[in-house]
Amino acid sequence: MSTSKNFADYIIDQLSDIDGISIKKMFGEYGLFLSGKMVGLLCDDNLFIKPTEAGKKLIEDITYFSPYKGAKPYFLIDNIDNRFFLKELIIKTELALPLPKKKKAKL
């Protein structure tokens, strides 16, 4: 099962006051990006956020789950209706993640 457009639109609406937030369709699912960094995934109508120490401090009951077979475990976020919590989690996650590696030029 893939993520519905309605779910993706809801998550983006919840995060709409964050400058630089975007989603990108990837293999029937979505990547969640802030300032060019992938901070999470939308898979099977669930929100997964990359685990960071900053995120651990914000989440009361942490659930780790792999968004797809073979993936590393992410934080599975069930509190998607709390706009303020999501905003803080996404911003702190982005700040804790390194910049993406530059892609090598194609020959």
N, C-alpha and C. Protein backbone atom coordinates (compact mmCIF):
# COMPACT_ATOMS: atom_id res chain seq x y z
N MET A 1 0.85 -1.18 0.00
CA MET A 1 0.00 0.00 0.00
C MET A 1 0.90 1.24 0.00
N SER A 2 0.52 2.23 -0.75
CA SER A 2 1.31 3.46 -0.79
C SER A 2 0.57 4.58 -0.06
N THR A 3 1.27 5.66 0.16
CA THR A 3 0.71 6.80 0.87
C THR A 3 -0.26 7.54 -0.04
N SER A 4 -1.42 7.88 0.51
CA SER A 4 -2.43 8.60 -0.26
C SER A 4 -2.04 10.07 -0.40
N LYS A 5 -2.49 10.67 -1.47
CA LYS A 5 -2.26 12.11 -1.69
C LYS A 5 -2.90 12.91 -0.57
N ASN A 6 -4.05 12.47 -0.07
CA ASN A 6 -4.73 13.17 1.03
C ASN A 6 -3.87 13.20 2.29
N PHE A 7 -3.22 12.08 2.61
CA PHE A 7 -2.35 12.03 3.79
C PHE A 7 -1.16 12.96 3.60
N ALA A 8 -0.53 12.90 2.43
CA ALA A 8 0.62 13.76 2.15
C ALA A 8 0.22 15.23 2.24
N ASP A 9 -0.93 15.57 1.68
CA ASP A 9 -1.41 16.96 1.74
C ASP A 9 -1.67 17.38 3.19
N TYR A 10 -2.21 16.48 4.01
CA TYR A 10 -2.47 16.80 5.42
C TYR A 10 -1.17 17.09 6.17
N ILE A 11 -0.17 16.26 5.95
CA ILE A 11 1.11 16.48 6.63
C ILE A 11 1.73 17.81 6.20
N ILE A 12 1.72 18.10 4.91
CA ILE A 12 2.26 19.37 4.44
C ILE A 12 1.46 20.54 5.00
N ASP A 13 0.16 20.40 5.11
CA ASP A 13 -0.66 21.45 5.71
C ASP A 13 -0.27 21.66 7.18
N GLN A 14 -0.05 20.57 7.90
CA GLN A 14 0.34 20.67 9.31
C GLN A 14 1.68 21.40 9.47
N LEU A 15 2.53 21.30 8.47
CA LEU A 15 3.88 21.88 8.53
C LEU A 15 4.01 23.14 7.67
N SER A 16 2.90 23.67 7.21
CA SER A 16 2.91 24.76 6.23
C SER A 16 3.57 26.04 6.71
N ASP A 17 3.68 26.24 8.01
CA ASP A 17 4.32 27.49 8.47
C ASP A 17 5.83 27.35 8.66
N ILE A 18 6.41 26.24 8.20
CA ILE A 18 7.86 26.07 8.21
C ILE A 18 8.39 26.43 6.83
N ASP A 19 9.22 27.45 6.76
CA ASP A 19 9.84 27.82 5.48
C ASP A 19 10.78 26.72 5.02
N GLY A 20 10.67 26.35 3.76
CA GLY A 20 11.59 25.37 3.19
C GLY A 20 11.13 23.93 3.30
N ILE A 21 9.91 23.68 3.80
CA ILE A 21 9.41 22.31 3.92
C ILE A 21 8.86 21.86 2.57
N SER A 22 9.11 20.61 2.21
CA SER A 22 8.59 20.09 0.95
C SER A 22 8.53 18.56 1.02
N ILE A 23 7.77 18.01 0.09
CA ILE A 23 7.74 16.56 -0.07
C ILE A 23 8.10 16.24 -1.51
N LYS A 24 8.61 15.05 -1.70
CA LYS A 24 8.97 14.59 -3.04
C LYS A 24 8.49 13.16 -3.18
N LYS A 25 7.73 12.90 -4.24
CA LYS A 25 7.23 11.56 -4.48
C LYS A 25 8.40 10.64 -4.83
N MET A 26 8.45 9.51 -4.15
CA MET A 26 9.54 8.56 -4.33
C MET A 26 8.99 7.14 -4.26
N PHE A 27 8.94 6.45 -5.38
CA PHE A 27 8.54 5.04 -5.41
C PHE A 27 7.16 4.80 -4.79
N GLY A 28 6.21 5.68 -5.03
CA GLY A 28 4.87 5.53 -4.50
C GLY A 28 4.71 6.06 -3.09
N GLU A 29 5.78 6.48 -2.50
CA GLU A 29 5.77 7.07 -1.16
C GLU A 29 6.33 8.48 -1.29
N TYR A 30 6.61 9.13 -0.16
CA TYR A 30 7.10 10.50 -0.20
C TYR A 30 8.28 10.68 0.75
N GLY A 31 9.25 11.48 0.32
CA GLY A 31 10.31 11.95 1.19
C GLY A 31 9.90 13.31 1.73
N LEU A 32 10.21 13.57 2.99
CA LEU A 32 9.91 14.85 3.63
C LEU A 32 11.23 15.60 3.80
N PHE A 33 11.31 16.82 3.26
CA PHE A 33 12.55 17.58 3.23
C PHE A 33 12.39 18.94 3.89
N LEU A 34 13.44 19.37 4.57
CA LEU A 34 13.51 20.72 5.09
C LEU A 34 14.89 21.26 4.75
N SER A 35 14.90 22.38 4.05
CA SER A 35 16.15 23.03 3.63
C SER A 35 17.09 22.07 2.91
N GLY A 36 16.54 21.21 2.07
CA GLY A 36 17.33 20.28 1.29
C GLY A 36 17.74 19.01 2.01
N LYS A 37 17.42 18.89 3.28
CA LYS A 37 17.75 17.68 4.04
C LYS A 37 16.52 16.80 4.17
N MET A 38 16.68 15.50 3.91
CA MET A 38 15.58 14.58 4.14
C MET A 38 15.45 14.35 5.64
N VAL A 39 14.32 14.76 6.19
CA VAL A 39 14.08 14.61 7.63
C VAL A 39 13.15 13.46 7.94
N GLY A 40 12.45 12.96 6.92
CA GLY A 40 11.53 11.88 7.19
C GLY A 40 10.93 11.31 5.92
N LEU A 41 10.02 10.38 6.14
CA LEU A 41 9.33 9.69 5.05
C LEU A 41 7.85 9.59 5.38
N LEU A 42 7.05 9.59 4.33
CA LEU A 42 5.63 9.27 4.45
C LEU A 42 5.45 7.95 3.73
N CYS A 43 5.15 6.90 4.49
CA CYS A 43 5.00 5.56 3.92
C CYS A 43 3.75 4.90 4.50
N ASP A 44 2.94 4.33 3.61
CA ASP A 44 1.72 3.63 4.04
C ASP A 44 0.86 4.49 4.96
N ASP A 45 0.74 5.76 4.62
CA ASP A 45 -0.05 6.73 5.40
C ASP A 45 0.43 6.84 6.85
N ASN A 46 1.73 6.75 7.03
CA ASN A 46 2.37 6.96 8.32
C ASN A 46 3.50 7.96 8.16
N LEU A 47 3.79 8.69 9.24
CA LEU A 47 4.89 9.64 9.25
C LEU A 47 6.07 9.04 10.00
N PHE A 48 7.20 8.98 9.33
CA PHE A 48 8.43 8.46 9.90
C PHE A 48 9.45 9.59 9.89
N ILE A 49 10.09 9.83 11.03
CA ILE A 49 11.10 10.88 11.16
C ILE A 49 12.44 10.24 11.49
N LYS A 50 13.49 10.76 10.84
CA LYS A 50 14.83 10.22 11.12
C LYS A 50 15.15 10.39 12.60
N PRO A 51 15.68 9.35 13.22
CA PRO A 51 15.99 9.44 14.65
C PRO A 51 17.21 10.32 14.92
N THR A 52 17.05 11.19 15.91
CA THR A 52 18.14 12.05 16.38
C THR A 52 18.01 12.16 17.90
N GLU A 53 19.08 12.57 18.54
CA GLU A 53 19.02 12.80 19.98
C GLU A 53 18.03 13.92 20.31
N ALA A 54 18.02 14.95 19.48
CA ALA A 54 17.08 16.06 19.70
C ALA A 54 15.64 15.58 19.62
N GLY A 55 15.36 14.69 18.69
CA GLY A 55 14.02 14.13 18.56
C GLY A 55 13.62 13.27 19.75
N LYS A 56 14.57 12.51 20.27
CA LYS A 56 14.31 11.67 21.44
C LYS A 56 13.82 12.49 22.62
N LYS A 57 14.35 13.68 22.76
CA LYS A 57 13.97 14.54 23.88
C LYS A 57 12.55 15.08 23.75
N LEU A 58 12.02 15.09 22.55
CA LEU A 58 10.68 15.64 22.32
C LEU A 58 9.57 14.59 22.36
N ILE A 59 9.92 13.35 22.04
CA ILE A 59 8.90 12.29 21.91
C ILE A 59 8.77 11.56 23.23
N GLU A 60 7.54 11.51 23.75
CA GLU A 60 7.32 10.85 25.05
C GLU A 60 7.47 9.33 24.95
N ASP A 61 6.70 8.71 24.10
CA ASP A 61 6.76 7.25 23.93
C ASP A 61 7.29 6.96 22.54
N ILE A 62 8.58 6.66 22.46
CA ILE A 62 9.22 6.47 21.15
C ILE A 62 8.89 5.08 20.62
N THR A 63 8.44 5.06 19.36
CA THR A 63 8.23 3.82 18.64
C THR A 63 9.16 3.84 17.44
N TYR A 64 10.03 2.85 17.35
CA TYR A 64 10.91 2.73 16.19
C TYR A 64 10.28 1.73 15.23
N PHE A 65 10.32 2.06 13.95
CA PHE A 65 9.75 1.17 12.95
C PHE A 65 10.42 1.46 11.62
N SER A 66 10.64 0.42 10.84
CA SER A 66 11.21 0.60 9.50
C SER A 66 10.09 0.95 8.53
N PRO A 67 10.24 2.03 7.80
CA PRO A 67 9.18 2.45 6.89
C PRO A 67 8.96 1.50 5.71
N TYR A 68 9.98 0.74 5.37
CA TYR A 68 9.86 -0.25 4.30
C TYR A 68 10.92 -1.32 4.55
N LYS A 69 10.76 -2.44 3.89
CA LYS A 69 11.67 -3.57 4.09
C LYS A 69 13.10 -3.17 3.77
N GLY A 70 14.00 -3.43 4.68
CA GLY A 70 15.41 -3.14 4.51
C GLY A 70 15.84 -1.76 4.99
N ALA A 71 14.88 -0.94 5.40
CA ALA A 71 15.21 0.41 5.87
C ALA A 71 15.63 0.38 7.33
N LYS A 72 16.45 1.36 7.70
CA LYS A 72 16.79 1.53 9.11
C LYS A 72 15.54 2.00 9.85
N PRO A 73 15.46 1.70 11.15
CA PRO A 73 14.29 2.16 11.92
C PRO A 73 14.27 3.69 12.05
N TYR A 74 13.09 4.23 11.93
CA TYR A 74 12.83 5.66 12.11
C TYR A 74 11.89 5.81 13.30
N PHE A 75 11.69 7.04 13.76
CA PHE A 75 10.63 7.31 14.73
C PHE A 75 9.31 7.24 13.98
N LEU A 76 8.39 6.42 14.46
CA LEU A 76 7.04 6.38 13.91
C LEU A 76 6.22 7.38 14.71
N ILE A 77 5.70 8.41 14.05
CA ILE A 77 5.02 9.50 14.73
C ILE A 77 3.51 9.30 14.62
N ASP A 78 2.87 9.16 15.78
CA ASP A 78 1.41 8.99 15.77
C ASP A 78 0.68 10.27 16.15
N ASN A 79 1.40 11.26 16.62
CA ASN A 79 0.80 12.51 17.07
C ASN A 79 0.84 13.54 15.93
N ILE A 80 0.25 13.19 14.78
CA ILE A 80 0.34 14.05 13.61
C ILE A 80 -0.65 15.22 13.66
N ASP A 81 -1.57 15.21 14.59
CA ASP A 81 -2.54 16.29 14.68
C ASP A 81 -2.04 17.47 15.50
N ASN A 82 -0.91 17.30 16.20
CA ASN A 82 -0.36 18.37 17.01
C ASN A 82 0.66 19.15 16.17
N ARG A 83 0.19 20.19 15.55
CA ARG A 83 0.98 21.02 14.64
C ARG A 83 2.23 21.58 15.30
N PHE A 84 2.12 22.02 16.55
CA PHE A 84 3.25 22.64 17.26
C PHE A 84 4.34 21.61 17.56
N PHE A 85 3.93 20.42 17.99
CA PHE A 85 4.88 19.34 18.23
C PHE A 85 5.61 18.97 16.94
N LEU A 86 4.85 18.79 15.85
CA LEU A 86 5.47 18.41 14.57
C LEU A 86 6.47 19.45 14.10
N LYS A 87 6.09 20.71 14.22
CA LYS A 87 6.98 21.78 13.79
C LYS A 87 8.30 21.74 14.56
N GLU A 88 8.21 21.62 15.88
CA GLU A 88 9.42 21.58 16.70
C GLU A 88 10.26 20.35 16.37
N LEU A 89 9.60 19.20 16.21
CA LEU A 89 10.32 17.96 15.89
C LEU A 89 11.04 18.06 14.55
N ILE A 90 10.36 18.57 13.54
CA ILE A 90 10.96 18.67 12.21
C ILE A 90 12.14 19.64 12.22
N ILE A 91 11.97 20.79 12.83
CA ILE A 91 13.04 21.78 12.86
C ILE A 91 14.26 21.26 13.62
N LYS A 92 14.03 20.66 14.78
CA LYS A 92 15.16 20.15 15.57
C LYS A 92 15.84 18.97 14.88
N THR A 93 15.06 18.16 14.17
CA THR A 93 15.64 17.05 13.42
C THR A 93 16.53 17.59 12.31
N GLU A 94 16.04 18.57 11.57
CA GLU A 94 16.83 19.15 10.48
C GLU A 94 18.13 19.74 11.00
N LEU A 95 18.09 20.43 12.12
CA LEU A 95 19.29 21.03 12.69
C LEU A 95 20.31 19.98 13.13
N ALA A 96 19.82 18.81 13.55
CA ALA A 96 20.71 17.75 14.05
C ALA A 96 21.32 16.91 12.93
N LEU A 97 20.75 16.99 11.73
CA LEU A 97 21.25 16.16 10.63
C LEU A 97 22.36 16.87 9.87
N PRO A 98 23.32 16.09 9.36
CA PRO A 98 24.39 16.71 8.56
C PRO A 98 23.85 17.12 7.19
N LEU A 99 24.58 18.00 6.53
CA LEU A 99 24.21 18.39 5.17
C LEU A 99 24.31 17.16 4.27
N PRO A 100 23.47 17.08 3.25
CA PRO A 100 23.57 15.94 2.33
C PRO A 100 24.91 15.94 1.62
N LYS A 101 25.39 14.74 1.33
CA LYS A 101 26.65 14.62 0.59
C LYS A 101 26.44 15.10 -0.84
N LYS A 102 27.44 15.78 -1.37
CA LYS A 102 27.36 16.25 -2.75
C LYS A 102 27.49 15.04 -3.67
N LYS A 103 26.65 15.05 -4.72
CA LYS A 103 26.70 13.97 -5.70
C LYS A 103 27.89 14.18 -6.62
N LYS A 104 28.52 13.07 -6.99
CA LYS A 104 29.64 13.14 -7.92
C LYS A 104 29.10 13.47 -9.32
N ALA A 105 29.87 14.24 -10.03
CA ALA A 105 29.49 14.62 -11.39
C ALA A 105 29.48 13.37 -12.28
N LYS A 106 28.48 13.31 -13.16
CA LYS A 106 28.41 12.20 -14.09
C LYS A 106 29.38 12.43 -15.23
N LEU A 107 30.02 11.35 -15.66
CA LEU A 107 30.98 11.47 -16.77
C LEU A 107 30.30 11.30 -18.08
